[in-house]
C-alpha atoms as a PDB file:
ATOM      1  CA  MET A   1     111.474  96.134 191.269  1.00  0.00           C
ATOM      2  CA  SER A   2     114.446  98.175 190.234  1.00  0.00           C
ATOM      3  CA  ILE A   3     117.226  96.123 188.690  1.00  0.00           C
ATOM      4  CA  GLU A   4     120.048  98.096 187.160  1.00  0.00           C
ATOM      5  CA  ILE A   5     122.651  96.452 184.952  1.00  0.00           C
ATOM      6  CA  ASN A   6     125.916  98.264 184.268  1.00  0.00           C
ATOM      7  CA  ASN A   7     128.225  96.575 181.792  1.00  0.00           C
ATOM      8  CA  GLU A   8     131.584  98.216 182.418  1.00  0.00           C
ATOM      9  CA  SER A   9     133.431  95.278 180.827  1.00  0.00           C
ATOM     10  CA  ASN A  10     134.624  94.789 177.277  1.00  0.00           C
ATOM     11  CA  HIS A  11     132.430  91.694 176.991  1.00  0.00           C
ATOM     12  CA  ASP A  12     129.085  91.630 175.168  1.00  0.00           C
ATOM     13  CA  VAL A  13     126.367  90.395 177.500  1.00  0.00           C
ATOM     14  CA  ASP A  14     122.686  89.747 176.821  1.00  0.00           C
ATOM     15  CA  GLU A  15     121.432  92.315 179.312  1.00  0.00           C
ATOM     16  CA  ALA A  16     117.764  91.604 178.577  1.00  0.00           C
ATOM     17  CA  ARG A  17     118.260  87.947 179.498  1.00  0.00           C
ATOM     18  CA  LEU A  18     120.229  88.931 182.579  1.00  0.00           C
ATOM     19  CA  LEU A  19     117.379  91.225 183.622  1.00  0.00           C
ATOM     20  CA  ARG A  20     114.854  88.396 183.116  1.00  0.00           C
ATOM     21  CA  LEU A  21     116.951  86.070 185.293  1.00  0.00           C
ATOM     22  CA  ALA A  22     117.320  88.618 188.091  1.00  0.00           C
ATOM     23  CA  THR A  23     113.579  89.333 187.976  1.00  0.00           C
ATOM     24  CA  HIS A  24     112.839  85.593 188.086  1.00  0.00           C
ATOM     25  CA  VAL A  25     115.130  85.035 191.088  1.00  0.00           C
ATOM     26  CA  LEU A  26     113.702  87.969 193.046  1.00  0.00           C
ATOM     27  CA  ASP A  27     110.117  86.980 192.238  1.00  0.00           C
ATOM     28  CA  GLU A  28     110.707  83.357 193.243  1.00  0.00           C
ATOM     29  CA  LEU A  29     112.250  84.466 196.538  1.00  0.00           C
ATOM     30  CA  ARG A  30     109.325  86.834 197.156  1.00  0.00           C
ATOM     31  CA  ILE A  31     111.399  89.983 197.278  1.00  0.00           C
ATOM     32  CA  HIS A  32     109.363  93.189 197.539  1.00  0.00           C
ATOM     33  CA  PRO A  33     108.696  94.861 194.176  1.00  0.00           C
ATOM     34  CA  ASP A  34     110.299  98.063 195.492  1.00  0.00           C
ATOM     35  CA  ALA A  35     113.632  96.377 196.294  1.00  0.00           C
ATOM     36  CA  ASP A  36     116.696  97.547 194.365  1.00  0.00           C
ATOM     37  CA  LEU A  37     119.412  95.347 192.878  1.00  0.00           C
ATOM     38  CA  ASN A  38     122.495  96.491 190.998  1.00  0.00           C
ATOM     39  CA  ILE A  39     124.415  94.127 188.704  1.00  0.00           C
ATOM     40  CA  VAL A  40     127.815  95.314 187.501  1.00  0.00           C
ATOM     41  CA  LEU A  41     130.008  93.554 184.947  1.00  0.00           C
ATOM     42  CA  VAL A  42     133.687  94.470 185.147  1.00  0.00           C
ATOM     43  CA  ASP A  43     136.942  93.463 183.488  1.00  0.00           C
ATOM     44  CA  VAL A  44     139.710  91.475 185.172  1.00  0.00           C
ATOM     45  CA  GLY A  45     141.661  94.482 186.510  1.00  0.00           C
ATOM     46  CA  PRO A  46     138.803  96.109 188.434  1.00  0.00           C
ATOM     47  CA  MET A  47     137.619  92.714 189.703  1.00  0.00           C
ATOM     48  CA  GLU A  48     141.092  91.931 190.978  1.00  0.00           C
ATOM     49  CA  GLU A  49     141.178  95.284 192.797  1.00  0.00           C
ATOM     50  CA  LEU A  50     137.815  94.580 194.449  1.00  0.00           C
ATOM     51  CA  HIS A  51     138.879  91.042 195.366  1.00  0.00           C
ATOM     52  CA  VAL A  52     142.044  92.292 197.072  1.00  0.00           C
ATOM     53  CA  GLN A  53     140.295  95.235 198.754  1.00  0.00           C
ATOM     54  CA  TRP A  54     137.273  93.383 200.134  1.00  0.00           C
ATOM     55  CA  MET A  55     138.381  89.758 200.465  1.00  0.00           C
ATOM     56  CA  ASP A  56     142.129  90.276 200.919  1.00  0.00           C
ATOM     57  CA  GLU A  57     142.743  87.616 198.272  1.00  0.00           C
ATOM     58  CA  PRO A  58     144.976  87.999 195.203  1.00  0.00           C
ATOM     59  CA  GLY A  59     143.790  87.751 191.616  1.00  0.00           C
ATOM     60  CA  PRO A  60     140.386  88.260 190.077  1.00  0.00           C
ATOM     61  CA  THR A  61     137.361  86.238 191.096  1.00  0.00           C
ATOM     62  CA  ASP A  62     134.154  85.384 189.272  1.00  0.00           C
ATOM     63  CA  VAL A  63     131.548  87.143 191.438  1.00  0.00           C
ATOM     64  CA  LEU A  64     131.417  89.378 194.508  1.00  0.00           C
ATOM     65  CA  SER A  65     128.329  90.429 196.436  1.00  0.00           C
ATOM     66  CA  PHE A  66     127.953  93.600 198.447  1.00  0.00           C
ATOM     67  CA  PRO A  67     124.752  93.456 200.538  1.00  0.00           C
ATOM     68  CA  MET A  68     123.157  96.681 201.721  1.00  0.00           C
ATOM     69  CA  ASP A  69     119.967  96.345 203.781  1.00  0.00           C
ATOM     70  CA  GLU A  70     120.413  92.671 204.722  1.00  0.00           C
ATOM     71  CA  LEU A  71     117.077  91.673 203.209  1.00  0.00           C
ATOM     72  CA  ARG A  72     116.059  88.019 203.431  1.00  0.00           C
ATOM     73  CA  PRO A  73     113.758  85.927 201.233  1.00  0.00           C
ATOM     74  CA  GLY A  74     110.060  86.413 201.832  1.00  0.00           C
ATOM     75  CA  SER A  75     107.357  83.805 202.134  1.00  0.00           C
ATOM     76  CA  ILE A  76     103.946  83.152 200.633  1.00  0.00           C
ATOM     77  CA  GLU A  77     102.401  85.046 203.531  1.00  0.00           C
ATOM     78  CA  ARG A  78     104.863  87.943 203.561  1.00  0.00           C
ATOM     79  CA  ARG A  79     107.227  89.474 201.036  1.00  0.00           C
ATOM     80  CA  THR A  80     110.416  91.146 202.195  1.00  0.00           C
ATOM     81  CA  PRO A  81     110.177  94.841 203.019  1.00  0.00           C
ATOM     82  CA  PRO A  82     111.323  97.260 200.314  1.00  0.00           C
ATOM     83  CA  GLY A  83     114.987  98.167 200.436  1.00  0.00           C
ATOM     84  CA  LEU A  84     118.389  97.958 198.814  1.00  0.00           C
ATOM     85  CA  LEU A  85     119.547  94.414 198.160  1.00  0.00           C
ATOM     86  CA  GLY A  86     122.993  95.571 197.099  1.00  0.00           C
ATOM     87  CA  ASP A  87     125.453  94.951 194.285  1.00  0.00           C
ATOM     88  CA  VAL A  88     126.448  91.795 192.444  1.00  0.00           C
ATOM     89  CA  VAL A  89     129.729  92.278 190.567  1.00  0.00           C
ATOM     90  CA  VAL A  90     130.618  89.731 187.872  1.00  0.00           C
ATOM     91  CA  CYS A  91     133.768  89.365 185.771  1.00  0.00           C
ATOM     92  CA  PRO A  92     132.773  88.003 182.332  1.00  0.00           C
ATOM     93  CA  GLN A  93     136.380  87.044 181.477  1.00  0.00           C
ATOM     94  CA  VAL A  94     136.612  84.778 184.528  1.00  0.00           C
ATOM     95  CA  ALA A  95     133.118  83.484 183.747  1.00  0.00           C
ATOM     96  CA  GLU A  96     134.276  82.655 180.215  1.00  0.00           C
ATOM     97  CA  GLU A  97     137.135  80.497 181.528  1.00  0.00           C
ATOM     98  CA  GLN A  98     134.818  78.719 183.964  1.00  0.00           C
ATOM     99  CA  ALA A  99     132.188  78.179 181.256  1.00  0.00           C
ATOM    100  CA  ARG A 100     134.747  76.555 178.997  1.00  0.00           C
ATOM    101  CA  ALA A 101     135.776  74.199 181.810  1.00  0.00           C
ATOM    102  CA  ALA A 102     132.122  73.415 182.645  1.00  0.00           C
ATOM    103  CA  GLY A 103     131.133  72.856 179.003  1.00  0.00           C
ATOM    104  CA  HIS A 104     128.468  75.537 178.708  1.00  0.00           C
ATOM    105  CA  SER A 105     128.187  79.067 177.336  1.00  0.00           C
ATOM    106  CA  THR A 106     129.681  82.142 178.941  1.00  0.00           C
ATOM    107  CA  MET A 107     126.204  83.623 179.229  1.00  0.00           C
ATOM    108  CA  ASP A 108     124.997  80.548 181.134  1.00  0.00           C
ATOM    109  CA  GLU A 109     127.928  80.972 183.514  1.00  0.00           C
ATOM    110  CA  ILE A 110     127.154  84.666 183.987  1.00  0.00           C
ATOM    111  CA  LEU A 111     123.524  83.791 184.750  1.00  0.00           C
ATOM    112  CA  LEU A 112     124.690  81.222 187.301  1.00  0.00           C
ATOM    113  CA  LEU A 113     127.016  83.776 188.905  1.00  0.00           C
ATOM    114  CA  VAL A 114     124.299  86.420 189.129  1.00  0.00           C
ATOM    115  CA  ALA A 115     121.929  83.902 190.761  1.00  0.00           C
ATOM    116  CA  HIS A 116     124.737  82.879 193.120  1.00  0.00           C
ATOM    117  CA  GLY A 117     125.641  86.460 193.981  1.00  0.00           C
ATOM    118  CA  THR A 118     122.005  87.390 194.550  1.00  0.00           C
ATOM    119  CA  LEU A 119     121.617  84.499 196.985  1.00  0.00           C
ATOM    120  CA  HIS A 120     124.620  85.844 198.889  1.00  0.00           C
ATOM    121  CA  LEU A 121     122.908  89.256 199.063  1.00  0.00           C
ATOM    122  CA  LEU A 122     119.940  87.485 200.645  1.00  0.00           C
ATOM    123  CA  GLY A 123     122.037  85.908 203.386  1.00  0.00           C
ATOM    124  CA  PHE A 124     122.828  82.511 201.877  1.00  0.00           C
ATOM    125  CA  ASP A 125     126.329  81.129 202.282  1.00  0.00           C
ATOM    126  CA  HIS A 126     128.184  77.913 201.555  1.00  0.00           C
ATOM    127  CA  ALA A 127     130.883  77.735 204.232  1.00  0.00           C
ATOM    128  CA  GLU A 128     129.296  74.797 206.073  1.00  0.00           C
ATOM    129  CA  PRO A 129     128.093  71.575 204.395  1.00  0.00           C
ATOM    130  CA  GLU A 130     124.414  72.166 205.308  1.00  0.00           C
ATOM    131  CA  GLU A 131     124.579  75.754 204.050  1.00  0.00           C
ATOM    132  CA  HIS A 132     126.328  74.626 200.883  1.00  0.00           C
ATOM    133  CA  LYS A 133     123.620  72.092 200.110  1.00  0.00           C
ATOM    134  CA  GLU A 134     120.789  74.542 200.808  1.00  0.00           C
ATOM    135  CA  MET A 135     122.320  77.324 198.723  1.00  0.00           C
ATOM    136  CA  PHE A 136     123.369  75.219 195.758  1.00  0.00           C
ATOM    137  CA  ASP A 137     120.069  73.289 195.695  1.00  0.00           C
ATOM    138  CA  LEU A 138     118.169  76.589 195.645  1.00  0.00           C
ATOM    139  CA  GLN A 139     120.522  78.008 193.003  1.00  0.00           C
ATOM    140  CA  ARG A 140     119.954  74.942 190.827  1.00  0.00           C
ATOM    141  CA  ASP A 141     116.179  75.131 191.259  1.00  0.00           C
ATOM    142  CA  LEU A 142     116.132  78.845 190.379  1.00  0.00           C
ATOM    143  CA  LEU A 143     118.227  78.289 187.246  1.00  0.00           C
ATOM    144  CA  ILE A 144     116.090  75.328 186.137  1.00  0.00           C
ATOM    145  CA  GLY A 145     112.936  77.365 186.693  1.00  0.00           C
ATOM    146  CA  PHE A 146     114.414  80.228 184.708  1.00  0.00           C
ATOM    147  CA  ALA A 147     115.431  77.912 181.845  1.00  0.00           C
ATOM    148  CA  MET A 148     111.892  76.513 181.730  1.00  0.00           C
ATOM    149  CA  ALA A 149     110.429  80.031 181.701  1.00  0.00           C
ATOM    150  CA  GLU A 150     112.790  80.994 178.874  1.00  0.00           C
ATOM    151  CA  ARG A 151     111.752  77.934 176.828  1.00  0.00           C
ATOM    152  CA  GLU A 152     108.086  78.817 177.375  1.00  0.00           C
ATOM    153  CA  ARG A 153     108.798  82.410 176.428  1.00  0.00           C
ATOM    154  CA  GLY A 154     110.410  81.185 173.192  1.00  0.00           C
ATOM    155  CA  ARG A 155     107.251  79.243 172.301  1.00  0.00           C
ATOM    156  CA  ARG A 156     105.041  82.324 172.368  1.00  0.00           C
END
């Protein structure tokens, strides 16, 4: 699996932890080992430009997803085919504000946003109540599973 992380922001980010999360999410969703994912961290200005250009909405946002090959989660019987998942773009400064409001660390918020953005790349959405429940339940389960894996990793 090729996961590239580009920190173009002025914010320090634990890229190794971010890589472990992305790997965990893709493994749990049975994404082919030859799939490619790009995670980009940008400052407020570039995020605002992307938000206006692609969503026609003013101001910066926390995360944007740009799917490429429209891959979907695999199953026990069959992984997804290899391909390009796409790009997840995160703004750490917006994440920092949201983390403060939620009462957790900025890194935890960035991890949440990367999981969220990756689910969008895989076709999940939250426009309708049923979709919202499915996506956010899966997001929660993935983050809990990752936290448990990280605790186990810390015990070794």
